[in-house]
PDB file of N, CA and C in Angstrom:
ATOM      1  N   MET A   1      94.132 -41.731  77.270  1.00  0.00           N
ATOM      2  CA  MET A   1      94.228 -42.936  78.075  1.00  0.00           C
ATOM      3  C   MET A   1      93.287 -42.855  79.269  1.00  0.00           C
ATOM      4  N   ASN A   2      93.037 -41.682  79.794  1.00  0.00           N
ATOM      5  CA  ASN A   2      92.152 -41.512  80.925  1.00  0.00           C
ATOM      6  C   ASN A   2      90.741 -42.016  80.592  1.00  0.00           C
ATOM      7  N   GLU A   3      90.274 -41.743  79.361  1.00  0.00           N
ATOM      8  CA  GLU A   3      88.947 -42.190  78.939  1.00  0.00           C
ATOM      9  C   GLU A   3      88.883 -43.718  78.897  1.00  0.00           C
ATOM     10  N   ALA A   4      89.931 -44.348  78.394  1.00  0.00           N
ATOM     11  CA  ALA A   4      89.983 -45.813  78.351  1.00  0.00           C
ATOM     12  C   ALA A   4      89.976 -46.388  79.760  1.00  0.00           C
ATOM     13  N   PHE A   5      90.748 -45.785  80.647  1.00  0.00           N
ATOM     14  CA  PHE A   5      90.789 -46.250  82.036  1.00  0.00           C
ATOM     15  C   PHE A   5      89.404 -46.172  82.675  1.00  0.00           C
ATOM     16  N   GLU A   6      88.727 -45.062  82.484  1.00  0.00           N
ATOM     17  CA  GLU A   6      87.396 -44.876  83.073  1.00  0.00           C
ATOM     18  C   GLU A   6      86.408 -45.905  82.536  1.00  0.00           C
ATOM     19  N   SER A   7      86.521 -46.212  81.246  1.00  0.00           N
ATOM     20  CA  SER A   7      85.632 -47.206  80.635  1.00  0.00           C
ATOM     21  C   SER A   7      85.878 -48.599  81.214  1.00  0.00           C
ATOM     22  N   ILE A   8      87.148 -48.950  81.349  1.00  0.00           N
ATOM     23  CA  ILE A   8      87.504 -50.254  81.920  1.00  0.00           C
ATOM     24  C   ILE A   8      87.077 -50.333  83.377  1.00  0.00           C
ATOM     25  N   LYS A   9      87.304 -49.269  84.116  1.00  0.00           N
ATOM     26  CA  LYS A   9      86.921 -49.216  85.527  1.00  0.00           C
ATOM     27  C   LYS A   9      85.406 -49.396  85.680  1.00  0.00           C
ATOM     28  N   ALA A  10      84.639 -48.706  84.843  1.00  0.00           N
ATOM     29  CA  ALA A  10      83.170 -48.811  84.902  1.00  0.00           C
ATOM     30  C   ALA A  10      82.730 -50.239  84.596  1.00  0.00           C
ATOM     31  N   GLY A  11      83.370 -50.856  83.615  1.00  0.00           N
ATOM     32  CA  GLY A  11      83.038 -52.236  83.263  1.00  0.00           C
ATOM     33  C   GLY A  11      83.330 -53.202  84.398  1.00  0.00           C
ATOM     34  N   LEU A  12      84.478 -53.021  85.046  1.00  0.00           N
ATOM     35  CA  LEU A  12      84.839 -53.882  86.170  1.00  0.00           C
ATOM     36  C   LEU A  12      83.885 -53.703  87.348  1.00  0.00           C
ATOM     37  N   GLU A  13      83.519 -52.456  87.612  1.00  0.00           N
ATOM     38  CA  GLU A  13      82.574 -52.207  88.704  1.00  0.00           C
ATOM     39  C   GLU A  13      81.220 -52.845  88.420  1.00  0.00           C
ATOM     40  N   GLU A  14      80.797 -52.790  87.159  1.00  0.00           N
ATOM     41  CA  GLU A  14      79.533 -53.409  86.783  1.00  0.00           C
ATOM     42  C   GLU A  14      79.621 -54.931  86.898  1.00  0.00           C
ATOM     43  N   ALA A  15      80.746 -55.508  86.512  1.00  0.00           N
ATOM     44  CA  ALA A  15      80.933 -56.954  86.619  1.00  0.00           C
ATOM     45  C   ALA A  15      80.906 -57.397  88.078  1.00  0.00           C
ATOM     46  N   ILE A  16      81.526 -56.634  88.943  1.00  0.00           N
ATOM     47  CA  ILE A  16      81.525 -56.948  90.382  1.00  0.00           C
ATOM     48  C   ILE A  16      80.103 -56.852  90.935  1.00  0.00           C
ATOM     49  N   ALA A  17      79.373 -55.815  90.533  1.00  0.00           N
ATOM     50  CA  ALA A  17      77.986 -55.662  90.990  1.00  0.00           C
ATOM     51  C   ALA A  17      77.141 -56.851  90.540  1.00  0.00           C
ATOM     52  N   HIS A  18      77.338 -57.284  89.304  1.00  0.00           N
ATOM     53  CA  HIS A  18      76.597 -58.445  88.788  1.00  0.00           C
ATOM     54  C   HIS A  18      76.942 -59.698  89.588  1.00  0.00           C
ATOM     55  N   ALA A  19      78.219 -59.903  89.856  1.00  0.00           N
ATOM     56  CA  ALA A  19      78.655 -61.074  90.628  1.00  0.00           C
ATOM     57  C   ALA A  19      78.070 -61.075  92.034  1.00  0.00           C
ATOM     58  N   GLU A  20      77.828 -59.887  92.565  1.00  0.00           N
ATOM     59  CA  GLU A  20      77.238 -59.758  93.907  1.00  0.00           C
ATOM     60  C   GLU A  20      75.709 -59.821  93.886  1.00  0.00           C
ATOM     61  N   GLY A  21      75.130 -59.997  92.685  1.00  0.00           N
ATOM     62  CA  GLY A  21      73.685 -60.126  92.568  1.00  0.00           C
ATOM     63  C   GLY A  21      72.931 -58.813  92.495  1.00  0.00           C
ATOM     64  N   LYS A  22      73.646 -57.728  92.329  1.00  0.00           N
ATOM     65  CA  LYS A  22      73.001 -56.413  92.235  1.00  0.00           C
ATOM     66  C   LYS A  22      72.494 -56.189  90.808  1.00  0.00           C
ATOM     67  N   PRO A  23      71.414 -55.422  90.650  1.00  0.00           N
ATOM     68  CA  PRO A  23      70.917 -55.147  89.294  1.00  0.00           C
ATOM     69  C   PRO A  23      71.914 -54.279  88.516  1.00  0.00           C
ATOM     70  N   ILE A  24      72.044 -54.595  87.228  1.00  0.00           N
ATOM     71  CA  ILE A  24      72.948 -53.841  86.354  1.00  0.00           C
ATOM     72  C   ILE A  24      72.218 -53.485  85.069  1.00  0.00           C
ATOM     73  N   LYS A  25      72.778 -52.562  84.305  1.00  0.00           N
ATOM     74  CA  LYS A  25      72.172 -52.127  83.045  1.00  0.00           C
ATOM     75  C   LYS A  25      72.527 -53.045  81.879  1.00  0.00           C
ATOM     76  N   ALA A  26      73.642 -53.726  81.973  1.00  0.00           N
ATOM     77  CA  ALA A  26      74.117 -54.547  80.863  1.00  0.00           C
ATOM     78  C   ALA A  26      73.233 -55.775  80.651  1.00  0.00           C
ATOM     79  N   ARG A  27      73.216 -56.257  79.429  1.00  0.00           N
ATOM     80  CA  ARG A  27      72.528 -57.503  79.123  1.00  0.00           C
ATOM     81  C   ARG A  27      73.411 -58.661  79.540  1.00  0.00           C
ATOM     82  N   VAL A  28      72.785 -59.657  80.127  1.00  0.00           N
ATOM     83  CA  VAL A  28      73.519 -60.853  80.536  1.00  0.00           C
ATOM     84  C   VAL A  28      72.967 -62.030  79.731  1.00  0.00           C
ATOM     85  N   HIS A  29      73.834 -62.710  79.006  1.00  0.00           N
ATOM     86  CA  HIS A  29      73.438 -63.858  78.194  1.00  0.00           C
ATOM     87  C   HIS A  29      73.857 -65.136  78.906  1.00  0.00           C
ATOM     88  N   GLU A  30      72.877 -65.919  79.274  1.00  0.00           N
ATOM     89  CA  GLU A  30      73.156 -67.197  79.929  1.00  0.00           C
ATOM     90  C   GLU A  30      73.318 -68.269  78.848  1.00  0.00           C
ATOM     91  N   ILE A  31      74.371 -69.033  78.946  1.00  0.00           N
ATOM     92  CA  ILE A  31      74.611 -70.106  77.988  1.00  0.00           C
ATOM     93  C   ILE A  31      74.397 -71.420  78.711  1.00  0.00           C
ATOM     94  N   GLY A  32      73.316 -72.080  78.369  1.00  0.00           N
ATOM     95  CA  GLY A  32      72.975 -73.335  79.025  1.00  0.00           C
ATOM     96  C   GLY A  32      73.597 -74.520  78.321  1.00  0.00           C
ATOM     97  N   PRO A  33      73.394 -75.686  78.894  1.00  0.00           N
ATOM     98  CA  PRO A  33      73.925 -76.891  78.266  1.00  0.00           C
ATOM     99  C   PRO A  33      73.243 -77.155  76.927  1.00  0.00           C
ATOM    100  N   MET A  34      73.969 -77.805  76.048  1.00  0.00           N
ATOM    101  CA  MET A  34      73.479 -78.093  74.711  1.00  0.00           C
ATOM    102  C   MET A  34      73.143 -79.576  74.611  1.00  0.00           C
ATOM    103  N   ASP A  35      71.983 -79.895  74.045  1.00  0.00           N
ATOM    104  CA  ASP A  35      71.566 -81.289  73.884  1.00  0.00           C
ATOM    105  C   ASP A  35      72.027 -81.785  72.518  1.00  0.00           C
ATOM    106  N   VAL A  36      73.265 -82.228  72.451  1.00  0.00           N
ATOM    107  CA  VAL A  36      73.875 -82.648  71.191  1.00  0.00           C
ATOM    108  C   VAL A  36      73.177 -83.889  70.648  1.00  0.00           C
ATOM    109  N   LYS A  37      72.781 -84.782  71.521  1.00  0.00           N
ATOM    110  CA  LYS A  37      72.100 -86.005  71.071  1.00  0.00           C
ATOM    111  C   LYS A  37      70.790 -85.667  70.357  1.00  0.00           C
ATOM    112  N   ALA A  38      70.044 -84.698  70.880  1.00  0.00           N
ATOM    113  CA  ALA A  38      68.787 -84.280  70.248  1.00  0.00           C
ATOM    114  C   ALA A  38      69.048 -83.635  68.889  1.00  0.00           C
ATOM    115  N   ILE A  39      70.120 -82.862  68.788  1.00  0.00           N
ATOM    116  CA  ILE A  39      70.470 -82.236  67.508  1.00  0.00           C
ATOM    117  C   ILE A  39      70.812 -83.313  66.490  1.00  0.00           C
ATOM    118  N   ARG A  40      71.593 -84.301  66.917  1.00  0.00           N
ATOM    119  CA  ARG A  40      71.960 -85.405  66.011  1.00  0.00           C
ATOM    120  C   ARG A  40      70.727 -86.185  65.579  1.00  0.00           C
ATOM    121  N   ALA A  41      69.827 -86.451  66.525  1.00  0.00           N
ATOM    122  CA  ALA A  41      68.600 -87.187  66.213  1.00  0.00           C
ATOM    123  C   ALA A  41      67.739 -86.391  65.229  1.00  0.00           C
ATOM    124  N   LYS A  42      67.730 -85.079  65.373  1.00  0.00           N
ATOM    125  CA  LYS A  42      66.939 -84.213  64.491  1.00  0.00           C
ATOM    126  C   LYS A  42      67.373 -84.337  63.037  1.00  0.00           C
ATOM    127  N   VAL A  43      68.667 -84.537  62.825  1.00  0.00           N
ATOM    128  CA  VAL A  43      69.160 -84.674  61.454  1.00  0.00           C
ATOM    129  C   VAL A  43      69.195 -86.128  60.998  1.00  0.00           C
ATOM    130  N   GLY A  44      68.843 -87.042  61.897  1.00  0.00           N
ATOM    131  CA  GLY A  44      68.705 -88.454  61.528  1.00  0.00           C
ATOM    132  C   GLY A  44      70.001 -89.162  61.187  1.00  0.00           C
ATOM    133  N   MET A  45      71.048 -88.868  61.914  1.00  0.00           N
ATOM    134  CA  MET A  45      72.348 -89.507  61.657  1.00  0.00           C
ATOM    135  C   MET A  45      72.761 -90.359  62.839  1.00  0.00           C
ATOM    136  N   SER A  46      73.506 -91.415  62.538  1.00  0.00           N
ATOM    137  CA  SER A  46      74.117 -92.200  63.602  1.00  0.00           C
ATOM    138  C   SER A  46      75.268 -91.388  64.180  1.00  0.00           C
ATOM    139  N   GLN A  47      75.810 -91.849  65.302  1.00  0.00           N
ATOM    140  CA  GLN A  47      76.959 -91.146  65.871  1.00  0.00           C
ATOM    141  C   GLN A  47      78.117 -91.112  64.886  1.00  0.00           C
ATOM    142  N   SER A  48      78.382 -92.226  64.236  1.00  0.00           N
ATOM    143  CA  SER A  48      79.495 -92.288  63.276  1.00  0.00           C
ATOM    144  C   SER A  48      79.280 -91.342  62.107  1.00  0.00           C
ATOM    145  N   GLU A  49      78.078 -91.344  61.534  1.00  0.00           N
ATOM    146  CA  GLU A  49      77.775 -90.459  60.411  1.00  0.00           C
ATOM    147  C   GLU A  49      77.930 -88.993  60.810  1.00  0.00           C
ATOM    148  N   PHE A  50      77.414 -88.661  61.971  1.00  0.00           N
ATOM    149  CA  PHE A  50      77.457 -87.281  62.458  1.00  0.00           C
ATOM    150  C   PHE A  50      78.900 -86.846  62.675  1.00  0.00           C
ATOM    151  N   ALA A  51      79.668 -87.679  63.342  1.00  0.00           N
ATOM    152  CA  ALA A  51      81.069 -87.343  63.623  1.00  0.00           C
ATOM    153  C   ALA A  51      81.853 -87.134  62.332  1.00  0.00           C
ATOM    154  N   ILE A  52      81.684 -88.023  61.379  1.00  0.00           N
ATOM    155  CA  ILE A  52      82.406 -87.912  60.109  1.00  0.00           C
ATOM    156  C   ILE A  52      81.948 -86.675  59.338  1.00  0.00           C
ATOM    157  N   SER A  53      80.642 -86.448  59.282  1.00  0.00           N
ATOM    158  CA  SER A  53      80.086 -85.325  58.514  1.00  0.00           C
ATOM    159  C   SER A  53      80.563 -83.976  59.016  1.00  0.00           C
ATOM    160  N   PHE A  54      80.740 -83.848  60.346  1.00  0.00           N
ATOM    161  CA  PHE A  54      81.079 -82.546  60.911  1.00  0.00           C
ATOM    162  C   PHE A  54      82.500 -82.465  61.445  1.00  0.00           C
ATOM    163  N   GLY A  55      83.318 -83.468  61.161  1.00  0.00           N
ATOM    164  CA  GLY A  55      84.725 -83.413  61.548  1.00  0.00           C
ATOM    165  C   GLY A  55      84.962 -83.447  63.042  1.00  0.00           C
ATOM    166  N   ILE A  56      84.115 -84.223  63.731  1.00  0.00           N
ATOM    167  CA  ILE A  56      84.220 -84.355  65.188  1.00  0.00           C
ATOM    168  C   ILE A  56      84.671 -85.782  65.484  1.00  0.00           C
ATOM    169  N   SER A  57      85.571 -85.934  66.425  1.00  0.00           N
ATOM    170  CA  SER A  57      85.961 -87.303  66.759  1.00  0.00           C
ATOM    171  C   SER A  57      84.778 -87.995  67.440  1.00  0.00           C
ATOM    172  N   LEU A  58      84.660 -89.285  67.213  1.00  0.00           N
ATOM    173  CA  LEU A  58      83.555 -90.054  67.783  1.00  0.00           C
ATOM    174  C   LEU A  58      83.592 -89.996  69.309  1.00  0.00           C
ATOM    175  N   GLY A  59      84.771 -90.032  69.882  1.00  0.00           N
ATOM    176  CA  GLY A  59      84.911 -89.951  71.334  1.00  0.00           C
ATOM    177  C   GLY A  59      84.404 -88.624  71.878  1.00  0.00           C
ATOM    178  N   THR A  60      84.745 -87.533  71.196  1.00  0.00           N
ATOM    179  CA  THR A  60      84.277 -86.212  71.619  1.00  0.00           C
ATOM    180  C   THR A  60      82.764 -86.135  71.540  1.00  0.00           C
ATOM    181  N   LEU A  61      82.194 -86.624  70.443  1.00  0.00           N
ATOM    182  CA  LEU A  61      80.741 -86.625  70.288  1.00  0.00           C
ATOM    183  C   LEU A  61      80.081 -87.397  71.417  1.00  0.00           C
ATOM    184  N   ARG A  62      80.630 -88.542  71.767  1.00  0.00           N
ATOM    185  CA  ARG A  62      80.052 -89.349  72.856  1.00  0.00           C
ATOM    186  C   ARG A  62      80.126 -88.607  74.196  1.00  0.00           C
ATOM    187  N   HIS A  63      81.227 -87.919  74.448  1.00  0.00           N
ATOM    188  CA  HIS A  63      81.343 -87.120  75.679  1.00  0.00           C
ATOM    189  C   HIS A  63      80.283 -86.027  75.714  1.00  0.00           C
ATOM    190  N   TRP A  64      80.080 -85.360  74.574  1.00  0.00           N
ATOM    191  CA  TRP A  64      79.059 -84.317  74.507  1.00  0.00           C
ATOM    192  C   TRP A  64      77.676 -84.891  74.783  1.00  0.00           C
ATOM    193  N   GLU A  65      77.381 -86.026  74.165  1.00  0.00           N
ATOM    194  CA  GLU A  65      76.050 -86.618  74.313  1.00  0.00           C
ATOM    195  C   GLU A  65      75.797 -87.112  75.734  1.00  0.00           C
ATOM    196  N   ARG A  66      76.825 -87.591  76.389  1.00  0.00           N
ATOM    197  CA  ARG A  66      76.665 -88.039  77.788  1.00  0.00           C
ATOM    198  C   ARG A  66      76.617 -86.867  78.758  1.00  0.00           C
ATOM    199  N   GLY A  67      77.059 -85.715  78.302  1.00  0.00           N
ATOM    200  CA  GLY A  67      77.080 -84.539  79.176  1.00  0.00           C
ATOM    201  C   GLY A  67      78.353 -84.410  79.983  1.00  0.00           C
ATOM    202  N   ASP A  68      79.354 -85.251  79.681  1.00  0.00           N
ATOM    203  CA  ASP A  68      80.648 -85.146  80.366  1.00  0.00           C
ATOM    204  C   ASP A  68      81.335 -83.833  80.029  1.00  0.00           C
ATOM    205  N   ARG A  69      81.146 -83.392  78.792  1.00  0.00           N
ATOM    206  CA  ARG A  69      81.734 -82.146  78.309  1.00  0.00           C
ATOM    207  C   ARG A  69      80.693 -81.410  77.474  1.00  0.00           C
ATOM    208  N   GLN A  70      80.938 -80.128  77.266  1.00  0.00           N
ATOM    209  CA  GLN A  70      80.076 -79.310  76.409  1.00  0.00           C
ATOM    210  C   GLN A  70      80.900 -78.772  75.246  1.00  0.00           C
ATOM    211  N   PRO A  71      80.300 -78.704  74.056  1.00  0.00           N
ATOM    212  CA  PRO A  71      81.020 -78.119  72.914  1.00  0.00           C
ATOM    213  C   PRO A  71      81.369 -76.663  73.193  1.00  0.00           C
ATOM    214  N   GLN A  72      82.497 -76.239  72.671  1.00  0.00           N
ATOM    215  CA  GLN A  72      82.974 -74.868  72.861  1.00  0.00           C
ATOM    216  C   GLN A  72      83.287 -74.248  71.501  1.00  0.00           C
ATOM    217  N   GLY A  73      83.384 -72.948  71.472  1.00  0.00           N
ATOM    218  CA  GLY A  73      83.848 -72.206  70.301  1.00  0.00           C
ATOM    219  C   GLY A  73      83.115 -72.528  69.016  1.00  0.00           C
ATOM    220  N   PRO A  74      83.868 -72.757  67.929  1.00  0.00           N
ATOM    221  CA  PRO A  74      83.258 -72.988  66.615  1.00  0.00           C
ATOM    222  C   PRO A  74      82.318 -74.198  66.592  1.00  0.00           C
ATOM    223  N   ALA A  75      82.631 -75.234  67.362  1.00  0.00           N
ATOM    224  CA  ALA A  75      81.755 -76.412  67.392  1.00  0.00           C
ATOM    225  C   ALA A  75      80.387 -76.033  67.956  1.00  0.00           C
ATOM    226  N   ARG A  76      80.370 -75.222  68.982  1.00  0.00           N
ATOM    227  CA  ARG A  76      79.102 -74.780  69.582  1.00  0.00           C
ATOM    228  C   ARG A  76      78.296 -73.944  68.586  1.00  0.00           C
ATOM    229  N   VAL A  77      78.979 -73.082  67.859  1.00  0.00           N
ATOM    230  CA  VAL A  77      78.307 -72.257  66.850  1.00  0.00           C
ATOM    231  C   VAL A  77      77.705 -73.151  65.772  1.00  0.00           C
ATOM    232  N   LEU A  78      78.488 -74.086  65.257  1.00  0.00           N
ATOM    233  CA  LEU A  78      77.994 -74.995  64.223  1.00  0.00           C
ATOM    234  C   LEU A  78      76.777 -75.773  64.714  1.00  0.00           C
ATOM    235  N   LEU A  79      76.833 -76.289  65.923  1.00  0.00           N
ATOM    236  CA  LEU A  79      75.716 -77.056  66.455  1.00  0.00           C
ATOM    237  C   LEU A  79      74.477 -76.189  66.657  1.00  0.00           C
ATOM    238  N   ASN A  80      74.655 -74.939  67.055  1.00  0.00           N
ATOM    239  CA  ASN A  80      73.517 -74.020  67.174  1.00  0.00           C
ATOM    240  C   ASN A  80      72.870 -73.765  65.815  1.00  0.00           C
ATOM    241  N   VAL A  81      73.683 -73.549  64.793  1.00  0.00           N
ATOM    242  CA  VAL A  81      73.147 -73.345  63.448  1.00  0.00           C
ATOM    243  C   VAL A  81      72.449 -74.613  62.968  1.00  0.00           C
ATOM    244  N   LEU A  82      73.061 -75.750  63.202  1.00  0.00           N
ATOM    245  CA  LEU A  82      72.467 -77.023  62.807  1.00  0.00           C
ATOM    246  C   LEU A  82      71.129 -77.263  63.504  1.00  0.00           C
ATOM    247  N   ALA A  83      71.031 -76.893  64.761  1.00  0.00           N
ATOM    248  CA  ALA A  83      69.780 -77.054  65.507  1.00  0.00           C
ATOM    249  C   ALA A  83      68.672 -76.163  64.954  1.00  0.00           C
ATOM    250  N   LYS A  84      69.041 -74.971  64.481  1.00  0.00           N
ATOM    251  CA  LYS A  84      68.037 -74.012  64.008  1.00  0.00           C
ATOM    252  C   LYS A  84      67.733 -74.150  62.517  1.00  0.00           C
ATOM    253  N   GLU A  85      68.727 -74.527  61.725  1.00  0.00           N
ATOM    254  CA  GLU A  85      68.576 -74.614  60.271  1.00  0.00           C
ATOM    255  C   GLU A  85      69.174 -75.914  59.727  1.00  0.00           C
ATOM    256  N   PRO A  86      68.649 -77.065  60.155  1.00  0.00           N
ATOM    257  CA  PRO A  86      69.269 -78.330  59.738  1.00  0.00           C
ATOM    258  C   PRO A  86      69.266 -78.543  58.220  1.00  0.00           C
ATOM    259  N   GLU A  87      68.176 -78.166  57.553  1.00  0.00           N
ATOM    260  CA  GLU A  87      68.108 -78.382  56.099  1.00  0.00           C
ATOM    261  C   GLU A  87      69.178 -77.585  55.368  1.00  0.00           C
ATOM    262  N   THR A  88      69.403 -76.364  55.802  1.00  0.00           N
ATOM    263  CA  THR A  88      70.411 -75.508  55.177  1.00  0.00           C
ATOM    264  C   THR A  88      71.799 -76.101  55.346  1.00  0.00           C
ATOM    265  N   VAL A  89      72.116 -76.496  56.570  1.00  0.00           N
ATOM    266  CA  VAL A  89      73.443 -77.063  56.842  1.00  0.00           C
ATOM    267  C   VAL A  89      73.644 -78.354  56.052  1.00  0.00           C
ATOM    268  N   LEU A  90      72.645 -79.213  56.063  1.00  0.00           N
ATOM    269  CA  LEU A  90      72.774 -80.489  55.347  1.00  0.00           C
ATOM    270  C   LEU A  90      72.878 -80.283  53.846  1.00  0.00           C
ATOM    271  N   SER A  91      72.169 -79.300  53.294  1.00  0.00           N
ATOM    272  CA  SER A  91      72.280 -79.050  51.852  1.00  0.00           C
ATOM    273  C   SER A  91      73.673 -78.557  51.489  1.00  0.00           C
ATOM    274  N   VAL A  92      74.278 -77.753  52.368  1.00  0.00           N
ATOM    275  CA  VAL A  92      75.652 -77.282  52.120  1.00  0.00           C
ATOM    276  C   VAL A  92      76.616 -78.462  52.185  1.00  0.00           C
ATOM    277  N   LEU A  93      76.399 -79.374  53.126  1.00  0.00           N
ATOM    278  CA  LEU A  93      77.272 -80.546  53.223  1.00  0.00           C
ATOM    279  C   LEU A  93      77.209 -81.412  51.960  1.00  0.00           C
ATOM    280  N   ARG A  94      76.014 -81.532  51.408  1.00  0.00           N
ATOM    281  CA  ARG A  94      75.825 -82.391  50.229  1.00  0.00           C
ATOM    282  C   ARG A  94      76.400 -81.788  48.959  1.00  0.00           C
ATOM    283  N   SER A  95      76.542 -80.464  48.914  1.00  0.00           N
ATOM    284  CA  SER A  95      77.012 -79.827  47.671  1.00  0.00           C
ATOM    285  C   SER A  95      78.510 -79.853  47.530  1.00  0.00           C
TER     286      SER A  95
END
């Protein structure tokens, strides 16, 4: 248990150092806003088509596109894959 405690303590100290703007060894991944409207335009779908195809409520899609909210969790992953590999995702949808 002592080893686990030391590992957790080191992680917390590193997180505090990062929050204070000090240089750290860990990689920091910044997650920026997602342009859902551009992703939808890339695949050439209307809002209704996009929402139905990906199981997203039309209201949620509109909030994402306006920037009121950002997709989270599995929706964010799906949209990232769709942005990078639209043909692959669309071919899977069609099959």
